[in-house]
């Protein structure tokens, strides 16, 4: 984004008006192999289309990562 390299797990555009609850369920999940015995750190940043971090104004946000052994 903006000429910078980034790792994106999932991207979507809300289908509701501002102020309404967003419920998003990704489809066509793709599992990628991780070459490691353990994950030391995961960081999630929620941004707008310009890469600017969102101010959630104290609202709760739930993000689930699904990991499976292959």
PDB file of N, CA and C in Angstrom:
ATOM      1  N   UNK A   1       0.846  -1.167   0.000  1.00  0.00           N
ATOM      2  CA  UNK A   1       0.000   0.000   0.000  1.00  0.00           C
ATOM      3  C   UNK A   1       0.892   1.230   0.000  1.00  0.00           C
ATOM      4  N   UNK A   2       0.594   2.175  -0.805  1.00  0.00           N
ATOM      5  CA  UNK A   2       1.376   3.401  -0.908  1.00  0.00           C
ATOM      6  C   UNK A   2       2.850   3.113  -1.176  1.00  0.00           C
ATOM      7  N   UNK A   3       3.129   2.062  -1.964  1.00  0.00           N
ATOM      8  CA  UNK A   3       4.498   1.720  -2.304  1.00  0.00           C
ATOM      9  C   UNK A   3       5.253   0.964  -1.223  1.00  0.00           C
ATOM     10  N   UNK A   4       4.582   0.604  -0.123  1.00  0.00           N
ATOM     11  CA  UNK A   4       5.222  -0.134   0.963  1.00  0.00           C
ATOM     12  C   UNK A   4       4.783  -1.588   0.931  1.00  0.00           C
ATOM     13  N   UNK A   5       5.711  -2.474   1.327  1.00  0.00           N
ATOM     14  CA  UNK A   5       5.381  -3.891   1.437  1.00  0.00           C
ATOM     15  C   UNK A   5       4.574  -4.110   2.707  1.00  0.00           C
ATOM     16  N   UNK A   6       3.572  -4.975   2.624  1.00  0.00           N
ATOM     17  CA  UNK A   6       2.764  -5.285   3.802  1.00  0.00           C
ATOM     18  C   UNK A   6       2.244  -6.701   3.698  1.00  0.00           C
ATOM     19  N   UNK A   7       1.901  -7.274   4.825  1.00  0.00           N
ATOM     20  CA  UNK A   7       1.279  -8.590   4.883  1.00  0.00           C
ATOM     21  C   UNK A   7      -0.179  -8.391   5.241  1.00  0.00           C
ATOM     22  N   UNK A   8      -1.064  -8.857   4.391  1.00  0.00           N
ATOM     23  CA  UNK A   8      -2.490  -8.721   4.640  1.00  0.00           C
ATOM     24  C   UNK A   8      -3.098 -10.107   4.772  1.00  0.00           C
ATOM     25  N   UNK A   9      -3.765 -10.350   5.884  1.00  0.00           N
ATOM     26  CA  UNK A   9      -4.431 -11.633   6.097  1.00  0.00           C
ATOM     27  C   UNK A   9      -5.814 -11.608   5.453  1.00  0.00           C
ATOM     28  N   UNK A  10      -6.530 -10.497   5.602  1.00  0.00           N
ATOM     29  CA  UNK A  10      -7.884 -10.407   5.069  1.00  0.00           C
ATOM     30  C   UNK A  10      -8.251  -8.949   4.859  1.00  0.00           C
ATOM     31  N   UNK A  11      -8.958  -8.681   3.793  1.00  0.00           N
ATOM     32  CA  UNK A  11      -9.378  -7.327   3.473  1.00  0.00           C
ATOM     33  C   UNK A  11     -10.830  -7.366   2.996  1.00  0.00           C
ATOM     34  N   UNK A  12     -11.648  -6.399   3.432  1.00  0.00           N
ATOM     35  CA  UNK A  12     -13.040  -6.349   2.992  1.00  0.00           C
ATOM     36  C   UNK A  12     -13.569  -4.926   3.130  1.00  0.00           C
ATOM     37  N   UNK A  13     -14.679  -4.658   2.477  1.00  0.00           N
ATOM     38  CA  UNK A  13     -15.375  -3.389   2.609  1.00  0.00           C
ATOM     39  C   UNK A  13     -16.694  -3.662   3.327  1.00  0.00           C
ATOM     40  N   UNK A  14     -16.994  -2.927   4.404  1.00  0.00           N
ATOM     41  CA  UNK A  14     -18.251  -3.151   5.135  1.00  0.00           C
ATOM     42  C   UNK A  14     -19.459  -2.934   4.230  1.00  0.00           C
ATOM     43  N   UNK A  15     -20.488  -3.752   4.447  1.00  0.00           N
ATOM     44  CA  UNK A  15     -21.710  -3.623   3.639  1.00  0.00           C
ATOM     45  C   UNK A  15     -22.845  -2.993   4.443  1.00  0.00           C
ATOM     46  N   UNK A  16     -22.485  -2.249   5.510  1.00  0.00           N
ATOM     47  CA  UNK A  16     -23.481  -1.541   6.317  1.00  0.00           C
ATOM     48  C   UNK A  16     -23.066  -0.081   6.452  1.00  0.00           C
ATOM     49  N   UNK A  17     -24.014   0.747   6.823  1.00  0.00           N
ATOM     50  CA  UNK A  17     -23.740   2.178   7.004  1.00  0.00           C
ATOM     51  C   UNK A  17     -22.935   2.408   8.273  1.00  0.00           C
ATOM     52  N   UNK A  18     -22.225   3.541   8.360  1.00  0.00           N
ATOM     53  CA  UNK A  18     -21.491   3.866   9.584  1.00  0.00           C
ATOM     54  C   UNK A  18     -22.409   3.836  10.798  1.00  0.00           C
ATOM     55  N   UNK A  19     -21.900   3.286  11.905  1.00  0.00           N
ATOM     56  CA  UNK A  19     -22.681   3.199  13.136  1.00  0.00           C
ATOM     57  C   UNK A  19     -23.390   1.874  13.320  1.00  0.00           C
ATOM     58  N   UNK A  20     -23.440   1.046  12.271  1.00  0.00           N
ATOM     59  CA  UNK A  20     -24.086  -0.249  12.368  1.00  0.00           C
ATOM     60  C   UNK A  20     -23.042  -1.341  12.590  1.00  0.00           C
ATOM     61  N   UNK A  21     -23.471  -2.426  13.227  1.00  0.00           N
ATOM     62  CA  UNK A  21     -22.583  -3.552  13.518  1.00  0.00           C
ATOM     63  C   UNK A  21     -22.157  -4.237  12.227  1.00  0.00           C
ATOM     64  N   UNK A  22     -20.857  -4.522  12.128  1.00  0.00           N
ATOM     65  CA  UNK A  22     -20.310  -5.221  10.970  1.00  0.00           C
ATOM     66  C   UNK A  22     -20.102  -6.680  11.356  1.00  0.00           C
ATOM     67  N   UNK A  23     -20.680  -7.580  10.612  1.00  0.00           N
ATOM     68  CA  UNK A  23     -20.465  -9.015  10.801  1.00  0.00           C
ATOM     69  C   UNK A  23     -19.876  -9.565   9.511  1.00  0.00           C
ATOM     70  N   UNK A  24     -18.631  -9.954   9.541  1.00  0.00           N
ATOM     71  CA  UNK A  24     -17.945 -10.390   8.321  1.00  0.00           C
ATOM     72  C   UNK A  24     -17.417 -11.808   8.521  1.00  0.00           C
ATOM     73  N   UNK A  25     -17.741 -12.693   7.594  1.00  0.00           N
ATOM     74  CA  UNK A  25     -17.257 -14.069   7.617  1.00  0.00           C
ATOM     75  C   UNK A  25     -16.529 -14.355   6.309  1.00  0.00           C
ATOM     76  N   UNK A  26     -15.210 -14.553   6.371  1.00  0.00           N
ATOM     77  CA  UNK A  26     -14.467 -14.819   5.143  1.00  0.00           C
ATOM     78  C   UNK A  26     -14.882 -16.145   4.512  1.00  0.00           C
ATOM     79  N   UNK A  27     -14.828 -16.193   3.202  1.00  0.00           N
ATOM     80  CA  UNK A  27     -15.146 -17.407   2.445  1.00  0.00           C
ATOM     81  C   UNK A  27     -13.877 -17.885   1.747  1.00  0.00           C
ATOM     82  N   UNK A  28     -13.888 -19.100   1.302  1.00  0.00           N
ATOM     83  CA  UNK A  28     -12.767 -19.674   0.561  1.00  0.00           C
ATOM     84  C   UNK A  28     -11.452 -19.530   1.325  1.00  0.00           C
ATOM     85  N   UNK A  29     -11.441 -20.053   2.539  1.00  0.00           N
ATOM     86  CA  UNK A  29     -10.240 -19.974   3.366  1.00  0.00           C
ATOM     87  C   UNK A  29      -9.078 -20.708   2.714  1.00  0.00           C
ATOM     88  N   UNK A  30      -7.903 -20.142   2.830  1.00  0.00           N
ATOM     89  CA  UNK A  30      -6.679 -20.751   2.317  1.00  0.00           C
ATOM     90  C   UNK A  30      -5.731 -20.899   3.498  1.00  0.00           C
ATOM     91  N   UNK A  31      -5.285 -22.110   3.750  1.00  0.00           N
ATOM     92  CA  UNK A  31      -4.339 -22.359   4.828  1.00  0.00           C
ATOM     93  C   UNK A  31      -2.940 -22.408   4.235  1.00  0.00           C
ATOM     94  N   UNK A  32      -2.034 -21.626   4.818  1.00  0.00           N
ATOM     95  CA  UNK A  32      -0.659 -21.561   4.357  1.00  0.00           C
ATOM     96  C   UNK A  32       0.246 -22.269   5.348  1.00  0.00           C
ATOM     97  N   UNK A  33       1.269 -22.928   4.833  1.00  0.00           N
ATOM     98  CA  UNK A  33       2.196 -23.649   5.693  1.00  0.00           C
ATOM     99  C   UNK A  33       3.110 -22.674   6.425  1.00  0.00           C
ATOM    100  N   UNK A  34       3.297 -22.926   7.705  1.00  0.00           N
ATOM    101  CA  UNK A  34       4.222 -22.155   8.528  1.00  0.00           C
ATOM    102  C   UNK A  34       5.402 -23.059   8.838  1.00  0.00           C
ATOM    103  N   UNK A  35       6.590 -22.606   8.516  1.00  0.00           N
ATOM    104  CA  UNK A  35       7.774 -23.416   8.753  1.00  0.00           C
ATOM    105  C   UNK A  35       8.371 -22.994  10.095  1.00  0.00           C
ATOM    106  N   UNK A  36       7.769 -23.503  11.166  1.00  0.00           N
ATOM    107  CA  UNK A  36       8.209 -23.165  12.515  1.00  0.00           C
ATOM    108  C   UNK A  36       7.522 -24.113  13.486  1.00  0.00           C
ATOM    109  N   UNK A  37       8.170 -24.370  14.620  1.00  0.00           N
ATOM    110  CA  UNK A  37       7.556 -25.205  15.646  1.00  0.00           C
ATOM    111  C   UNK A  37       6.555 -24.429  16.495  1.00  0.00           C
ATOM    112  N   UNK A  38       6.745 -23.117  16.576  1.00  0.00           N
ATOM    113  CA  UNK A  38       5.853 -22.307  17.398  1.00  0.00           C
ATOM    114  C   UNK A  38       5.773 -20.894  16.838  1.00  0.00           C
ATOM    115  N   UNK A  39       4.707 -20.216  17.191  1.00  0.00           N
ATOM    116  CA  UNK A  39       4.519 -18.823  16.816  1.00  0.00           C
ATOM    117  C   UNK A  39       4.844 -17.986  18.039  1.00  0.00           C
ATOM    118  N   UNK A  40       5.819 -17.109  17.932  1.00  0.00           N
ATOM    119  CA  UNK A  40       6.238 -16.293  19.062  1.00  0.00           C
ATOM    120  C   UNK A  40       5.387 -15.046  19.241  1.00  0.00           C
ATOM    121  N   UNK A  41       4.849 -14.521  18.150  1.00  0.00           N
ATOM    122  CA  UNK A  41       4.118 -13.253  18.246  1.00  0.00           C
ATOM    123  C   UNK A  41       3.188 -13.111  17.052  1.00  0.00           C
ATOM    124  N   UNK A  42       1.999 -12.599  17.310  1.00  0.00           N
ATOM    125  CA  UNK A  42       1.080 -12.222  16.246  1.00  0.00           C
ATOM    126  C   UNK A  42       0.578 -10.829  16.575  1.00  0.00           C
ATOM    127  N   UNK A  43       0.585  -9.963  15.601  1.00  0.00           N
ATOM    128  CA  UNK A  43       0.110  -8.599  15.795  1.00  0.00           C
ATOM    129  C   UNK A  43      -0.948  -8.300  14.749  1.00  0.00           C
ATOM    130  N   UNK A  44      -2.045  -7.697  15.169  1.00  0.00           N
ATOM    131  CA  UNK A  44      -3.125  -7.342  14.265  1.00  0.00           C
ATOM    132  C   UNK A  44      -3.360  -5.842  14.343  1.00  0.00           C
ATOM    133  N   UNK A  45      -3.423  -5.201  13.196  1.00  0.00           N
ATOM    134  CA  UNK A  45      -3.710  -3.778  13.119  1.00  0.00           C
ATOM    135  C   UNK A  45      -4.894  -3.607  12.168  1.00  0.00           C
ATOM    136  N   UNK A  46      -5.909  -2.892  12.604  1.00  0.00           N
ATOM    137  CA  UNK A  46      -7.085  -2.636  11.778  1.00  0.00           C
ATOM    138  C   UNK A  46      -6.926  -1.245  11.180  1.00  0.00           C
ATOM    139  N   UNK A  47      -6.922  -1.193   9.844  1.00  0.00           N
ATOM    140  CA  UNK A  47      -6.671   0.070   9.151  1.00  0.00           C
ATOM    141  C   UNK A  47      -7.777   0.382   8.153  1.00  0.00           C
ATOM    142  N   UNK A  48      -7.795   1.629   7.713  1.00  0.00           N
ATOM    143  CA  UNK A  48      -8.703   2.026   6.644  1.00  0.00           C
ATOM    144  C   UNK A  48      -8.027   1.762   5.299  1.00  0.00           C
ATOM    145  N   UNK A  49      -8.679   2.165   4.224  1.00  0.00           N
ATOM    146  CA  UNK A  49      -8.163   1.902   2.880  1.00  0.00           C
ATOM    147  C   UNK A  49      -6.853   2.632   2.584  1.00  0.00           C
ATOM    148  N   UNK A  50      -6.496   3.612   3.406  1.00  0.00           N
ATOM    149  CA  UNK A  50      -5.246   4.345   3.223  1.00  0.00           C
ATOM    150  C   UNK A  50      -4.137   3.865   4.153  1.00  0.00           C
ATOM    151  N   UNK A  51      -4.410   2.783   4.903  1.00  0.00           N
ATOM    152  CA  UNK A  51      -3.407   2.247   5.812  1.00  0.00           C
ATOM    153  C   UNK A  51      -3.346   2.957   7.152  1.00  0.00           C
ATOM    154  N   UNK A  52      -4.281   3.864   7.407  1.00  0.00           N
ATOM    155  CA  UNK A  52      -4.316   4.599   8.676  1.00  0.00           C
ATOM    156  C   UNK A  52      -5.054   3.765   9.720  1.00  0.00           C
ATOM    157  N   UNK A  53      -4.438   3.612  10.904  1.00  0.00           N
ATOM    158  CA  UNK A  53      -5.047   2.821  11.964  1.00  0.00           C
ATOM    159  C   UNK A  53      -6.382   3.418  12.378  1.00  0.00           C
ATOM    160  N   UNK A  54      -7.399   2.548  12.542  1.00  0.00           N
ATOM    161  CA  UNK A  54      -8.740   3.002  12.909  1.00  0.00           C
ATOM    162  C   UNK A  54      -8.863   3.262  14.400  1.00  0.00           C
ATOM    163  N   UNK A  55      -9.603   4.298  14.754  1.00  0.00           N
ATOM    164  CA  UNK A  55      -9.978   4.572  16.136  1.00  0.00           C
ATOM    165  C   UNK A  55     -11.350   3.941  16.326  1.00  0.00           C
ATOM    166  N   UNK A  56     -11.416   2.881  17.112  1.00  0.00           N
ATOM    167  CA  UNK A  56     -12.672   2.154  17.288  1.00  0.00           C
ATOM    168  C   UNK A  56     -13.566   2.774  18.355  1.00  0.00           C
ATOM    169  N   UNK A  57     -13.152   3.900  18.929  1.00  0.00           N
ATOM    170  CA  UNK A  57     -13.965   4.662  19.886  1.00  0.00           C
ATOM    171  C   UNK A  57     -14.475   3.794  21.032  1.00  0.00           C
ATOM    172  N   UNK A  58     -13.618   2.871  21.500  1.00  0.00           N
ATOM    173  CA  UNK A  58     -13.971   2.038  22.639  1.00  0.00           C
ATOM    174  C   UNK A  58     -14.851   0.845  22.328  1.00  0.00           C
ATOM    175  N   UNK A  59     -15.212   0.665  21.066  1.00  0.00           N
ATOM    176  CA  UNK A  59     -16.054  -0.477  20.686  1.00  0.00           C
ATOM    177  C   UNK A  59     -15.241  -1.762  20.756  1.00  0.00           C
ATOM    178  N   UNK A  60     -15.905  -2.867  21.065  1.00  0.00           N
ATOM    179  CA  UNK A  60     -15.258  -4.171  21.095  1.00  0.00           C
ATOM    180  C   UNK A  60     -15.027  -4.684  19.688  1.00  0.00           C
ATOM    181  N   UNK A  61     -13.939  -5.395  19.518  1.00  0.00           N
ATOM    182  CA  UNK A  61     -13.598  -6.003  18.232  1.00  0.00           C
ATOM    183  C   UNK A  61     -13.132  -7.417  18.503  1.00  0.00           C
ATOM    184  N   UNK A  62     -13.688  -8.383  17.786  1.00  0.00           N
ATOM    185  CA  UNK A  62     -13.273  -9.771  17.929  1.00  0.00           C
ATOM    186  C   UNK A  62     -12.690 -10.236  16.608  1.00  0.00           C
ATOM    187  N   UNK A  63     -11.481 -10.761  16.675  1.00  0.00           N
ATOM    188  CA  UNK A  63     -10.820 -11.325  15.497  1.00  0.00           C
ATOM    189  C   UNK A  63     -10.395 -12.735  15.862  1.00  0.00           C
ATOM    190  N   UNK A  64     -10.720 -13.702  15.020  1.00  0.00           N
ATOM    191  CA  UNK A  64     -10.336 -15.094  15.278  1.00  0.00           C
ATOM    192  C   UNK A  64      -9.395 -15.565  14.182  1.00  0.00           C
ATOM    193  N   UNK A  65      -8.321 -16.173  14.614  1.00  0.00           N
ATOM    194  CA  UNK A  65      -7.395 -16.833  13.689  1.00  0.00           C
ATOM    195  C   UNK A  65      -7.573 -18.328  13.849  1.00  0.00           C
ATOM    196  N   UNK A  66      -7.708 -19.024  12.754  1.00  0.00           N
ATOM    197  CA  UNK A  66      -7.855 -20.469  12.783  1.00  0.00           C
ATOM    198  C   UNK A  66      -6.563 -21.091  12.289  1.00  0.00           C
ATOM    199  N   UNK A  67      -5.925 -21.844  13.155  1.00  0.00           N
ATOM    200  CA  UNK A  67      -4.700 -22.550  12.809  1.00  0.00           C
ATOM    201  C   UNK A  67      -4.985 -24.031  12.847  1.00  0.00           C
ATOM    202  N   UNK A  68      -4.433 -24.768  11.907  1.00  0.00           N
ATOM    203  CA  UNK A  68      -4.631 -26.215  11.931  1.00  0.00           C
ATOM    204  C   UNK A  68      -3.333 -26.900  11.529  1.00  0.00           C
ATOM    205  N   UNK A  69      -3.167 -28.084  12.045  1.00  0.00           N
ATOM    206  CA  UNK A  69      -1.977 -28.864  11.719  1.00  0.00           C
ATOM    207  C   UNK A  69      -2.203 -29.568  10.402  1.00  0.00           C
ATOM    208  N   UNK A  70      -1.163 -29.527   9.542  1.00  0.00           N
ATOM    209  CA  UNK A  70      -1.292 -30.216   8.246  1.00  0.00           C
ATOM    210  C   UNK A  70      -0.253 -31.296   8.112  1.00  0.00           C
TER     211      UNK A  70
END
